[in-house]
């Protein structure tokens, strides 16, 4: 399954040292693609020998001309949320504009960006930022694909780590109102497989929504994670007045998730994020259910179900 029957040519992968990019890279290489990785510090990036590595930074534009030279497909898997960067929206905005200008000048044919599923309400700050990034990238190439997902269930996912540590550390926990929000978590392997296929799919849609096999609440996720991980199911005491801000402080206190990352993550938990428009056939046909995704993340099953 390739674009117009031809191989995509050189693929540029940004975010190659992140959770999704790090899992996507070996998948692309195994499929025989030539992959070039843009990283800020090659000396600290432990990447496969088959991958070409270029030093660069999307915020400053350093290395982008070299990185994008001859590239047909580019993955934009960069988010500035969390850490010391309090204004992540402005950082993401600047990075996206810098990358979009460079990709346009280089003649990149397709850009694939991973953002969040559309929110039913106004959306949290980080969901709105991801929408803005997608819009900035929209004019940077003839084909721009906004792949969308809710919580990714994977060993390096900050959201999954937050879920795991809450269950591990709190046999009794307060239950903010958002724990009964419905969502559609998706296995990391399914996201990776879908992204790889979107690099090859002829004429992909501009928006592709990715979700797991079932829609569940965060409360159900915590209870079922405990069972899958061999833990006692936590007792959840409802506290309807716990605001997202207080929830983020609570999460930052009892887990290892950076407080700067916990706040935007928790802000997004009050939004119902589910797939409204199924993706094209062949992209995410056999998504794992939540229990299978957790087993895969914990190492009890092969990652991926597409």
C-alpha atoms as a PDB file:
ATOM      1  CA  UNK A   1       0.000   0.000   0.000  1.00  0.00           C
ATOM      2  CA  UNK A   2       1.947   3.020  -1.241  1.00  0.00           C
ATOM      3  CA  UNK A   3       1.302   6.460  -2.618  1.00  0.00           C
ATOM      4  CA  UNK A   4       0.432   6.154  -6.318  1.00  0.00           C
ATOM      5  CA  UNK A   5       2.225   2.800  -6.367  1.00  0.00           C
ATOM      6  CA  UNK A   6       5.593   4.360  -5.544  1.00  0.00           C
ATOM      7  CA  UNK A   7       7.642   4.342  -2.355  1.00  0.00           C
ATOM      8  CA  UNK A   8       7.244   7.579  -0.379  1.00  0.00           C
ATOM      9  CA  UNK A   9      10.938   8.421  -0.876  1.00  0.00           C
ATOM     10  CA  UNK A  10      12.854   9.928   2.023  1.00  0.00           C
ATOM     11  CA  UNK A  11      10.767  10.343   5.172  1.00  0.00           C
ATOM     12  CA  UNK A  12      11.657  12.991   7.733  1.00  0.00           C
ATOM     13  CA  UNK A  13      10.801  12.034  11.290  1.00  0.00           C
ATOM     14  CA  UNK A  14      10.712  14.749  13.933  1.00  0.00           C
ATOM     15  CA  UNK A  15      10.203  13.652  17.532  1.00  0.00           C
ATOM     16  CA  UNK A  16      12.215  10.485  16.894  1.00  0.00           C
ATOM     17  CA  UNK A  17      13.320  10.346  20.541  1.00  0.00           C
ATOM     18  CA  UNK A  18       9.760  10.672  21.870  1.00  0.00           C
ATOM     19  CA  UNK A  19       7.265   7.961  22.767  1.00  0.00           C
ATOM     20  CA  UNK A  20       5.486   7.773  19.412  1.00  0.00           C
ATOM     21  CA  UNK A  21       8.402   8.752  17.182  1.00  0.00           C
ATOM     22  CA  UNK A  22      10.698   6.283  18.903  1.00  0.00           C
ATOM     23  CA  UNK A  23       8.258   3.448  18.203  1.00  0.00           C
ATOM     24  CA  UNK A  24       7.468   4.631  14.677  1.00  0.00           C
ATOM     25  CA  UNK A  25      11.100   4.754  13.530  1.00  0.00           C
ATOM     26  CA  UNK A  26      11.785   0.978  13.583  1.00  0.00           C
ATOM     27  CA  UNK A  27       8.398   0.365  11.944  1.00  0.00           C
ATOM     28  CA  UNK A  28       9.315   2.661   9.033  1.00  0.00           C
ATOM     29  CA  UNK A  29      12.795   1.175   8.694  1.00  0.00           C
ATOM     30  CA  UNK A  30      11.412  -2.368   8.732  1.00  0.00           C
ATOM     31  CA  UNK A  31       9.127  -1.415   5.843  1.00  0.00           C
ATOM     32  CA  UNK A  32      12.189  -0.424   3.828  1.00  0.00           C
ATOM     33  CA  UNK A  33      11.769   3.354   3.996  1.00  0.00           C
ATOM     34  CA  UNK A  34      14.680   5.764   4.013  1.00  0.00           C
ATOM     35  CA  UNK A  35      14.233   7.703   7.245  1.00  0.00           C
ATOM     36  CA  UNK A  36      15.972  10.889   8.292  1.00  0.00           C
ATOM     37  CA  UNK A  37      15.607  11.998  11.921  1.00  0.00           C
ATOM     38  CA  UNK A  38      15.779  15.602  13.083  1.00  0.00           C
ATOM     39  CA  UNK A  39      17.158  15.769  16.631  1.00  0.00           C
ATOM     40  CA  UNK A  40      18.496  18.625  18.732  1.00  0.00           C
ATOM     41  CA  UNK A  41      21.470  16.676  20.101  1.00  0.00           C
ATOM     42  CA  UNK A  42      22.560  13.625  18.055  1.00  0.00           C
ATOM     43  CA  UNK A  43      25.093  12.653  20.736  1.00  0.00           C
ATOM     44  CA  UNK A  44      22.238  11.974  23.169  1.00  0.00           C
ATOM     45  CA  UNK A  45      19.936  10.245  20.667  1.00  0.00           C
ATOM     46  CA  UNK A  46      20.221   6.461  20.646  1.00  0.00           C
ATOM     47  CA  UNK A  47      18.755   5.696  17.231  1.00  0.00           C
ATOM     48  CA  UNK A  48      19.108   2.711  14.860  1.00  0.00           C
ATOM     49  CA  UNK A  49      22.183   2.790  12.631  1.00  0.00           C
ATOM     50  CA  UNK A  50      19.975   2.571   9.540  1.00  0.00           C
ATOM     51  CA  UNK A  51      18.436   5.970  10.287  1.00  0.00           C
ATOM     52  CA  UNK A  52      20.074   9.157   9.006  1.00  0.00           C
ATOM     53  CA  UNK A  53      20.424  11.747  11.761  1.00  0.00           C
ATOM     54  CA  UNK A  54      20.474  15.520  11.253  1.00  0.00           C
ATOM     55  CA  UNK A  55      21.026  18.054  14.012  1.00  0.00           C
ATOM     56  CA  UNK A  56      18.302  20.684  14.082  1.00  0.00           C
ATOM     57  CA  UNK A  57      15.709  22.598  16.042  1.00  0.00           C
ATOM     58  CA  UNK A  58      12.231  23.528  14.840  1.00  0.00           C
ATOM     59  CA  UNK A  59      12.075  26.541  17.158  1.00  0.00           C
ATOM     60  CA  UNK A  60      15.185  28.208  15.726  1.00  0.00           C
ATOM     61  CA  UNK A  61      15.048  26.666  12.265  1.00  0.00           C
ATOM     62  CA  UNK A  62      18.570  25.278  12.645  1.00  0.00           C
ATOM     63  CA  UNK A  63      19.189  22.323  10.318  1.00  0.00           C
ATOM     64  CA  UNK A  64      15.738  22.350   8.708  1.00  0.00           C
ATOM     65  CA  UNK A  65      16.992  23.079   5.183  1.00  0.00           C
ATOM     66  CA  UNK A  66      19.342  20.092   5.334  1.00  0.00           C
ATOM     67  CA  UNK A  67      16.787  17.867   7.061  1.00  0.00           C
ATOM     68  CA  UNK A  68      14.047  18.568   4.506  1.00  0.00           C
ATOM     69  CA  UNK A  69      16.202  18.284   1.399  1.00  0.00           C
ATOM     70  CA  UNK A  70      14.662  15.653  -0.890  1.00  0.00           C
ATOM     71  CA  UNK A  71      11.962  14.737   1.622  1.00  0.00           C
ATOM     72  CA  UNK A  72       8.585  13.622   0.293  1.00  0.00           C
ATOM     73  CA  UNK A  73       6.837  12.826   3.570  1.00  0.00           C
ATOM     74  CA  UNK A  74       7.460  14.510   6.926  1.00  0.00           C
ATOM     75  CA  UNK A  75       6.129  13.476  10.320  1.00  0.00           C
ATOM     76  CA  UNK A  76       5.610  16.382  12.702  1.00  0.00           C
ATOM     77  CA  UNK A  77       5.508  14.762  16.160  1.00  0.00           C
ATOM     78  CA  UNK A  78       6.529  17.726  18.300  1.00  0.00           C
ATOM     79  CA  UNK A  79       4.743  19.250  21.286  1.00  0.00           C
ATOM     80  CA  UNK A  80       6.142  21.755  23.777  1.00  0.00           C
ATOM     81  CA  UNK A  81       3.669  21.013  26.567  1.00  0.00           C
ATOM     82  CA  UNK A  82       5.057  20.767  30.063  1.00  0.00           C
ATOM     83  CA  UNK A  83       8.437  21.111  31.722  1.00  0.00           C
ATOM     84  CA  UNK A  84       9.877  24.588  32.274  1.00  0.00           C
ATOM     85  CA  UNK A  85       8.072  25.976  29.276  1.00  0.00           C
ATOM     86  CA  UNK A  86       4.971  27.578  30.752  1.00  0.00           C
ATOM     87  CA  UNK A  87       3.778  29.128  27.480  1.00  0.00           C
ATOM     88  CA  UNK A  88       3.689  25.895  25.510  1.00  0.00           C
ATOM     89  CA  UNK A  89       1.092  27.285  23.076  1.00  0.00           C
ATOM     90  CA  UNK A  90       3.405  30.079  21.923  1.00  0.00           C
ATOM     91  CA  UNK A  91       6.343  27.675  21.624  1.00  0.00           C
ATOM     92  CA  UNK A  92       4.258  25.250  19.568  1.00  0.00           C
ATOM     93  CA  UNK A  93       2.995  28.120  17.410  1.00  0.00           C
ATOM     94  CA  UNK A  94       6.521  29.365  16.621  1.00  0.00           C
ATOM     95  CA  UNK A  95       7.848  25.875  15.962  1.00  0.00           C
ATOM     96  CA  UNK A  96       4.984  25.013  13.617  1.00  0.00           C
ATOM     97  CA  UNK A  97       5.408  28.230  11.630  1.00  0.00           C
ATOM     98  CA  UNK A  98       9.148  27.701  11.300  1.00  0.00           C
ATOM     99  CA  UNK A  99       8.689  24.106  10.168  1.00  0.00           C
ATOM    100  CA  UNK A 100       5.820  24.992   7.801  1.00  0.00           C
ATOM    101  CA  UNK A 101       7.863  27.670   6.040  1.00  0.00           C
ATOM    102  CA  UNK A 102      10.836  25.340   5.637  1.00  0.00           C
ATOM    103  CA  UNK A 103       8.677  22.455   4.382  1.00  0.00           C
ATOM    104  CA  UNK A 104       6.959  24.725   1.856  1.00  0.00           C
ATOM    105  CA  UNK A 105      10.283  25.933   0.504  1.00  0.00           C
ATOM    106  CA  UNK A 106      11.622  22.379   0.305  1.00  0.00           C
ATOM    107  CA  UNK A 107       8.598  21.146  -1.659  1.00  0.00           C
ATOM    108  CA  UNK A 108       7.532  18.491   0.829  1.00  0.00           C
ATOM    109  CA  UNK A 109       4.543  16.599  -0.565  1.00  0.00           C
ATOM    110  CA  UNK A 110       2.919  15.280   2.617  1.00  0.00           C
ATOM    111  CA  UNK A 111       3.038  16.273   6.292  1.00  0.00           C
ATOM    112  CA  UNK A 112       1.548  13.993   8.941  1.00  0.00           C
ATOM    113  CA  UNK A 113       0.822  15.574  12.319  1.00  0.00           C
ATOM    114  CA  UNK A 114      -0.407  13.808  15.454  1.00  0.00           C
ATOM    115  CA  UNK A 115      -2.850  15.836  17.515  1.00  0.00           C
ATOM    116  CA  UNK A 116      -5.919  15.184  19.661  1.00  0.00           C
ATOM    117  CA  UNK A 117      -9.448  14.064  18.885  1.00  0.00           C
ATOM    118  CA  UNK A 118     -11.929  16.938  18.455  1.00  0.00           C
ATOM    119  CA  UNK A 119     -13.400  18.095  21.767  1.00  0.00           C
ATOM    120  CA  UNK A 120     -17.153  18.353  22.219  1.00  0.00           C
ATOM    121  CA  UNK A 121     -16.791  21.683  24.042  1.00  0.00           C
ATOM    122  CA  UNK A 122     -14.368  24.585  23.900  1.00  0.00           C
ATOM    123  CA  UNK A 123     -11.432  22.249  24.469  1.00  0.00           C
ATOM    124  CA  UNK A 124      -8.550  22.570  26.901  1.00  0.00           C
ATOM    125  CA  UNK A 125      -5.605  24.861  26.251  1.00  0.00           C
ATOM    126  CA  UNK A 126      -3.448  22.024  24.984  1.00  0.00           C
ATOM    127  CA  UNK A 127      -6.184  20.678  22.678  1.00  0.00           C
ATOM    128  CA  UNK A 128      -6.744  24.171  21.271  1.00  0.00           C
ATOM    129  CA  UNK A 129      -2.979  24.508  20.761  1.00  0.00           C
ATOM    130  CA  UNK A 130      -2.848  21.276  18.807  1.00  0.00           C
ATOM    131  CA  UNK A 131      -5.690  22.462  16.599  1.00  0.00           C
ATOM    132  CA  UNK A 132      -3.780  25.678  15.964  1.00  0.00           C
ATOM    133  CA  UNK A 133      -0.627  23.755  15.029  1.00  0.00           C
ATOM    134  CA  UNK A 134      -2.610  21.660  12.562  1.00  0.00           C
ATOM    135  CA  UNK A 135      -4.019  24.818  10.994  1.00  0.00           C
ATOM    136  CA  UNK A 136      -0.548  26.371  10.685  1.00  0.00           C
ATOM    137  CA  UNK A 137       0.767  23.241   8.984  1.00  0.00           C
ATOM    138  CA  UNK A 138      -2.263  23.024   6.674  1.00  0.00           C
ATOM    139  CA  UNK A 139      -0.781  25.250   3.964  1.00  0.00           C
ATOM    140  CA  UNK A 140       2.765  23.866   4.192  1.00  0.00           C
ATOM    141  CA  UNK A 141       2.309  20.956   1.753  1.00  0.00           C
ATOM    142  CA  UNK A 142      -0.181  19.717  -0.863  1.00  0.00           C
ATOM    143  CA  UNK A 143      -1.205  16.909   1.494  1.00  0.00           C
ATOM    144  CA  UNK A 144      -1.410  17.566   5.226  1.00  0.00           C
ATOM    145  CA  UNK A 145      -2.892  14.820   7.383  1.00  0.00           C
ATOM    146  CA  UNK A 146      -4.011  15.628  10.914  1.00  0.00           C
ATOM    147  CA  UNK A 147      -4.044  12.281  12.707  1.00  0.00           C
ATOM    148  CA  UNK A 148      -6.021  12.569  15.943  1.00  0.00           C
ATOM    149  CA  UNK A 149      -6.004  10.402  19.059  1.00  0.00           C
ATOM    150  CA  UNK A 150      -7.157  10.580  22.671  1.00  0.00           C
ATOM    151  CA  UNK A 151      -5.091   8.962  25.447  1.00  0.00           C
ATOM    152  CA  UNK A 152      -2.354   6.754  24.016  1.00  0.00           C
ATOM    153  CA  UNK A 153      -1.801   3.576  26.038  1.00  0.00           C
ATOM    154  CA  UNK A 154       1.925   2.962  25.837  1.00  0.00           C
ATOM    155  CA  UNK A 155       4.892   2.502  28.182  1.00  0.00           C
ATOM    156  CA  UNK A 156       6.271   6.004  27.551  1.00  0.00           C
ATOM    157  CA  UNK A 157       2.975   7.896  27.359  1.00  0.00           C
ATOM    158  CA  UNK A 158       2.714  10.599  30.039  1.00  0.00           C
ATOM    159  CA  UNK A 159      -1.059  10.087  30.298  1.00  0.00           C
ATOM    160  CA  UNK A 160      -0.654   6.337  30.741  1.00  0.00           C
ATOM    161  CA  UNK A 161       2.134   6.849  33.282  1.00  0.00           C
ATOM    162  CA  UNK A 162      -0.156   9.168  35.224  1.00  0.00           C
ATOM    163  CA  UNK A 163      -2.927   6.546  35.218  1.00  0.00           C
ATOM    164  CA  UNK A 164      -0.559   3.759  36.277  1.00  0.00           C
ATOM    165  CA  UNK A 165       1.005   5.690  39.144  1.00  0.00           C
ATOM    166  CA  UNK A 166      -2.352   6.867  40.497  1.00  0.00           C
ATOM    167  CA  UNK A 167      -3.497   3.243  40.717  1.00  0.00           C
ATOM    168  CA  UNK A 168      -0.184   2.051  42.165  1.00  0.00           C
ATOM    169  CA  UNK A 169       0.127   4.730  44.822  1.00  0.00           C
ATOM    170  CA  UNK A 170      -3.440   5.410  45.912  1.00  0.00           C
ATOM    171  CA  UNK A 171      -5.524   2.469  47.159  1.00  0.00           C
ATOM    172  CA  UNK A 172      -8.092   5.111  48.087  1.00  0.00           C
ATOM    173  CA  UNK A 173      -8.384   8.183  45.891  1.00  0.00           C
ATOM    174  CA  UNK A 174     -10.618  11.178  45.481  1.00  0.00           C
ATOM    175  CA  UNK A 175     -12.628  11.120  42.289  1.00  0.00           C
ATOM    176  CA  UNK A 176     -12.800  14.477  40.520  1.00  0.00           C
ATOM    177  CA  UNK A 177     -15.793  15.018  38.255  1.00  0.00           C
ATOM    178  CA  UNK A 178     -13.713  14.280  35.155  1.00  0.00           C
ATOM    179  CA  UNK A 179     -13.232  10.613  36.050  1.00  0.00           C
ATOM    180  CA  UNK A 180     -16.680   9.887  34.584  1.00  0.00           C
ATOM    181  CA  UNK A 181     -15.871  11.544  31.253  1.00  0.00           C
ATOM    182  CA  UNK A 182     -16.032   9.156  28.325  1.00  0.00           C
ATOM    183  CA  UNK A 183     -12.985   8.721  26.133  1.00  0.00           C
ATOM    184  CA  UNK A 184     -11.567   6.289  23.566  1.00  0.00           C
ATOM    185  CA  UNK A 185      -8.016   5.313  24.562  1.00  0.00           C
ATOM    186  CA  UNK A 186      -5.889   3.755  21.854  1.00  0.00           C
ATOM    187  CA  UNK A 187      -2.890   1.426  22.002  1.00  0.00           C
ATOM    188  CA  UNK A 188       0.457   2.969  21.126  1.00  0.00           C
ATOM    189  CA  UNK A 189       1.066   0.191  18.616  1.00  0.00           C
ATOM    190  CA  UNK A 190      -2.174   0.988  16.823  1.00  0.00           C
ATOM    191  CA  UNK A 191      -1.244   4.677  16.578  1.00  0.00           C
ATOM    192  CA  UNK A 192       2.213   3.802  15.250  1.00  0.00           C
ATOM    193  CA  UNK A 193       0.796   1.408  12.660  1.00  0.00           C
ATOM    194  CA  UNK A 194      -1.782   3.961  11.546  1.00  0.00           C
ATOM    195  CA  UNK A 195       0.847   6.686  11.151  1.00  0.00           C
ATOM    196  CA  UNK A 196       3.050   4.372   9.100  1.00  0.00           C
ATOM    197  CA  UNK A 197       0.153   3.514   6.819  1.00  0.00           C
ATOM    198  CA  UNK A 198      -0.735   7.183   6.401  1.00  0.00           C
ATOM    199  CA  UNK A 199       2.734   7.721   4.927  1.00  0.00           C
ATOM    200  CA  UNK A 200       1.854   5.206   2.209  1.00  0.00           C
ATOM    201  CA  UNK A 201      -1.884   5.626   1.687  1.00  0.00           C
ATOM    202  CA  UNK A 202      -2.874   7.219  -1.640  1.00  0.00           C
ATOM    203  CA  UNK A 203      -4.906  10.402  -1.197  1.00  0.00           C
ATOM    204  CA  UNK A 204      -5.449  10.278   2.581  1.00  0.00           C
ATOM    205  CA  UNK A 205      -8.124  12.526   4.121  1.00  0.00           C
ATOM    206  CA  UNK A 206      -7.070  15.728   5.843  1.00  0.00           C
ATOM    207  CA  UNK A 207      -8.367  14.463   9.188  1.00  0.00           C
ATOM    208  CA  UNK A 208      -7.991  10.921  10.510  1.00  0.00           C
ATOM    209  CA  UNK A 209      -9.487   9.991  13.876  1.00  0.00           C
ATOM    210  CA  UNK A 210      -7.849   7.102  15.741  1.00  0.00           C
ATOM    211  CA  UNK A 211      -9.361   5.292  18.686  1.00  0.00           C
ATOM    212  CA  UNK A 212      -9.329   1.973  20.481  1.00  0.00           C
ATOM    213  CA  UNK A 213     -12.000  -0.681  20.223  1.00  0.00           C
ATOM    214  CA  UNK A 214     -14.158   0.709  23.033  1.00  0.00           C
ATOM    215  CA  UNK A 215     -15.374   3.900  24.671  1.00  0.00           C
ATOM    216  CA  UNK A 216     -14.923   3.961  28.450  1.00  0.00           C
ATOM    217  CA  UNK A 217     -14.683   6.433  31.322  1.00  0.00           C
ATOM    218  CA  UNK A 218     -11.508   7.312  33.209  1.00  0.00           C
ATOM    219  CA  UNK A 219     -13.025   5.623  36.279  1.00  0.00           C
ATOM    220  CA  UNK A 220     -13.383   2.374  34.312  1.00  0.00           C
ATOM    221  CA  UNK A 221      -9.835   2.782  33.033  1.00  0.00           C
ATOM    222  CA  UNK A 222      -8.423   2.987  36.556  1.00  0.00           C
ATOM    223  CA  UNK A 223     -10.414   0.004  37.802  1.00  0.00           C
ATOM    224  CA  UNK A 224      -9.608  -2.156  34.781  1.00  0.00           C
ATOM    225  CA  UNK A 225      -5.943  -1.147  34.809  1.00  0.00           C
ATOM    226  CA  UNK A 226      -5.696  -2.322  38.405  1.00  0.00           C
ATOM    227  CA  UNK A 227      -7.165  -5.690  37.454  1.00  0.00           C
ATOM    228  CA  UNK A 228      -4.902  -6.080  34.401  1.00  0.00           C
ATOM    229  CA  UNK A 229      -1.840  -5.184  36.495  1.00  0.00           C
ATOM    230  CA  UNK A 230      -2.730  -7.568  39.329  1.00  0.00           C
ATOM    231  CA  UNK A 231      -3.497  -4.734  41.746  1.00  0.00           C
ATOM    232  CA  UNK A 232      -6.345  -4.269  44.179  1.00  0.00           C
ATOM    233  CA  UNK A 233      -9.033  -2.116  42.614  1.00  0.00           C
ATOM    234  CA  UNK A 234      -8.817   1.371  44.158  1.00  0.00           C
ATOM    235  CA  UNK A 235     -11.652   2.801  46.187  1.00  0.00           C
ATOM    236  CA  UNK A 236     -12.715   6.011  44.438  1.00  0.00           C
ATOM    237  CA  UNK A 237     -14.459   8.598  46.594  1.00  0.00           C
ATOM    238  CA  UNK A 238     -16.416  11.205  44.573  1.00  0.00           C
ATOM    239  CA  UNK A 239     -15.386  14.836  45.115  1.00  0.00           C
ATOM    240  CA  UNK A 240     -17.353  16.897  42.567  1.00  0.00           C
ATOM    241  CA  UNK A 241     -15.808  20.257  43.561  1.00  0.00           C
ATOM    242  CA  UNK A 242     -12.203  19.306  42.740  1.00  0.00           C
ATOM    243  CA  UNK A 243     -11.279  21.702  39.926  1.00  0.00           C
ATOM    244  CA  UNK A 244      -8.847  20.830  37.105  1.00  0.00           C
ATOM    245  CA  UNK A 245      -6.254  23.114  38.705  1.00  0.00           C
ATOM    246  CA  UNK A 246      -6.512  21.344  42.068  1.00  0.00           C
ATOM    247  CA  UNK A 247      -6.587  17.998  40.269  1.00  0.00           C
ATOM    248  CA  UNK A 248      -3.316  18.826  38.529  1.00  0.00           C
ATOM    249  CA  UNK A 249      -1.689  19.680  41.875  1.00  0.00           C
ATOM    250  CA  UNK A 250      -2.980  16.389  43.246  1.00  0.00           C
ATOM    251  CA  UNK A 251      -1.613  14.444  40.255  1.00  0.00           C
ATOM    252  CA  UNK A 252       1.725  16.248  40.464  1.00  0.00           C
ATOM    253  CA  UNK A 253       1.988  15.449  44.173  1.00  0.00           C
ATOM    254  CA  UNK A 254       1.276  11.712  43.986  1.00  0.00           C
ATOM    255  CA  UNK A 255       2.887  10.833  40.629  1.00  0.00           C
ATOM    256  CA  UNK A 256       6.213  11.464  38.882  1.00  0.00           C
ATOM    257  CA  UNK A 257       4.506  13.422  36.086  1.00  0.00           C
ATOM    258  CA  UNK A 258       6.017  16.905  35.895  1.00  0.00           C
ATOM    259  CA  UNK A 259       3.555  19.476  37.339  1.00  0.00           C
ATOM    260  CA  UNK A 260       4.002  21.600  34.213  1.00  0.00           C
ATOM    261  CA  UNK A 261       2.792  18.628  32.174  1.00  0.00           C
ATOM    262  CA  UNK A 262       0.125  17.479  34.624  1.00  0.00           C
ATOM    263  CA  UNK A 263      -1.908  20.694  34.383  1.00  0.00           C
ATOM    264  CA  UNK A 264      -2.567  20.663  30.608  1.00  0.00           C
ATOM    265  CA  UNK A 265      -3.110  16.897  30.698  1.00  0.00           C
ATOM    266  CA  UNK A 266      -5.692  17.144  33.475  1.00  0.00           C
ATOM    267  CA  UNK A 267      -7.364  20.134  31.813  1.00  0.00           C
ATOM    268  CA  UNK A 268      -8.115  17.907  28.834  1.00  0.00           C
ATOM    269  CA  UNK A 269      -9.665  15.117  30.891  1.00  0.00           C
ATOM    270  CA  UNK A 270     -12.997  16.935  31.250  1.00  0.00           C
ATOM    271  CA  UNK A 271     -13.559  16.802  27.476  1.00  0.00           C
ATOM    272  CA  UNK A 272     -15.271  13.812  25.873  1.00  0.00           C
ATOM    273  CA  UNK A 273     -12.825  12.590  23.245  1.00  0.00           C
ATOM    274  CA  UNK A 274     -14.243   9.852  21.024  1.00  0.00           C
ATOM    275  CA  UNK A 275     -14.011   8.980  17.346  1.00  0.00           C
ATOM    276  CA  UNK A 276     -16.883  10.541  15.409  1.00  0.00           C
ATOM    277  CA  UNK A 277     -15.644   9.755  11.889  1.00  0.00           C
ATOM    278  CA  UNK A 278     -13.969   6.357  11.423  1.00  0.00           C
ATOM    279  CA  UNK A 279     -10.627   6.400   9.573  1.00  0.00           C
ATOM    280  CA  UNK A 280     -10.240   5.039   6.034  1.00  0.00           C
ATOM    281  CA  UNK A 281     -10.175   1.281   5.595  1.00  0.00           C
ATOM    282  CA  UNK A 282      -6.755  -0.188   6.224  1.00  0.00           C
ATOM    283  CA  UNK A 283      -5.597   2.484   8.680  1.00  0.00           C
ATOM    284  CA  UNK A 284      -6.949   1.299  12.046  1.00  0.00           C
ATOM    285  CA  UNK A 285      -9.192  -1.657  11.248  1.00  0.00           C
ATOM    286  CA  UNK A 286      -8.445  -3.959  14.201  1.00  0.00           C
ATOM    287  CA  UNK A 287      -7.732  -1.657  17.125  1.00  0.00           C
ATOM    288  CA  UNK A 288      -7.060  -3.246  20.506  1.00  0.00           C
ATOM    289  CA  UNK A 289      -9.530  -2.892  23.359  1.00  0.00           C
ATOM    290  CA  UNK A 290      -8.408  -1.223  26.583  1.00  0.00           C
ATOM    291  CA  UNK A 291      -7.394  -4.399  28.428  1.00  0.00           C
ATOM    292  CA  UNK A 292      -5.287  -5.653  25.511  1.00  0.00           C
ATOM    293  CA  UNK A 293      -3.700  -2.219  25.117  1.00  0.00           C
ATOM    294  CA  UNK A 294      -2.736  -2.215  28.810  1.00  0.00           C
ATOM    295  CA  UNK A 295      -1.256  -5.705  28.547  1.00  0.00           C
ATOM    296  CA  UNK A 296       0.782  -4.558  25.558  1.00  0.00           C
ATOM    297  CA  UNK A 297       1.986  -1.479  27.420  1.00  0.00           C
ATOM    298  CA  UNK A 298       2.972  -3.580  30.420  1.00  0.00           C
ATOM    299  CA  UNK A 299       4.861  -5.995  28.197  1.00  0.00           C
ATOM    300  CA  UNK A 300       2.368  -8.840  28.384  1.00  0.00           C
ATOM    301  CA  UNK A 301       1.525  -8.838  24.673  1.00  0.00           C
ATOM    302  CA  UNK A 302       3.002  -7.598  21.416  1.00  0.00           C
ATOM    303  CA  UNK A 303       2.348  -3.881  20.887  1.00  0.00           C
ATOM    304  CA  UNK A 304      -0.017  -3.166  18.017  1.00  0.00           C
ATOM    305  CA  UNK A 305      -3.254  -4.594  16.795  1.00  0.00           C
ATOM    306  CA  UNK A 306      -3.838  -3.068  13.399  1.00  0.00           C
END
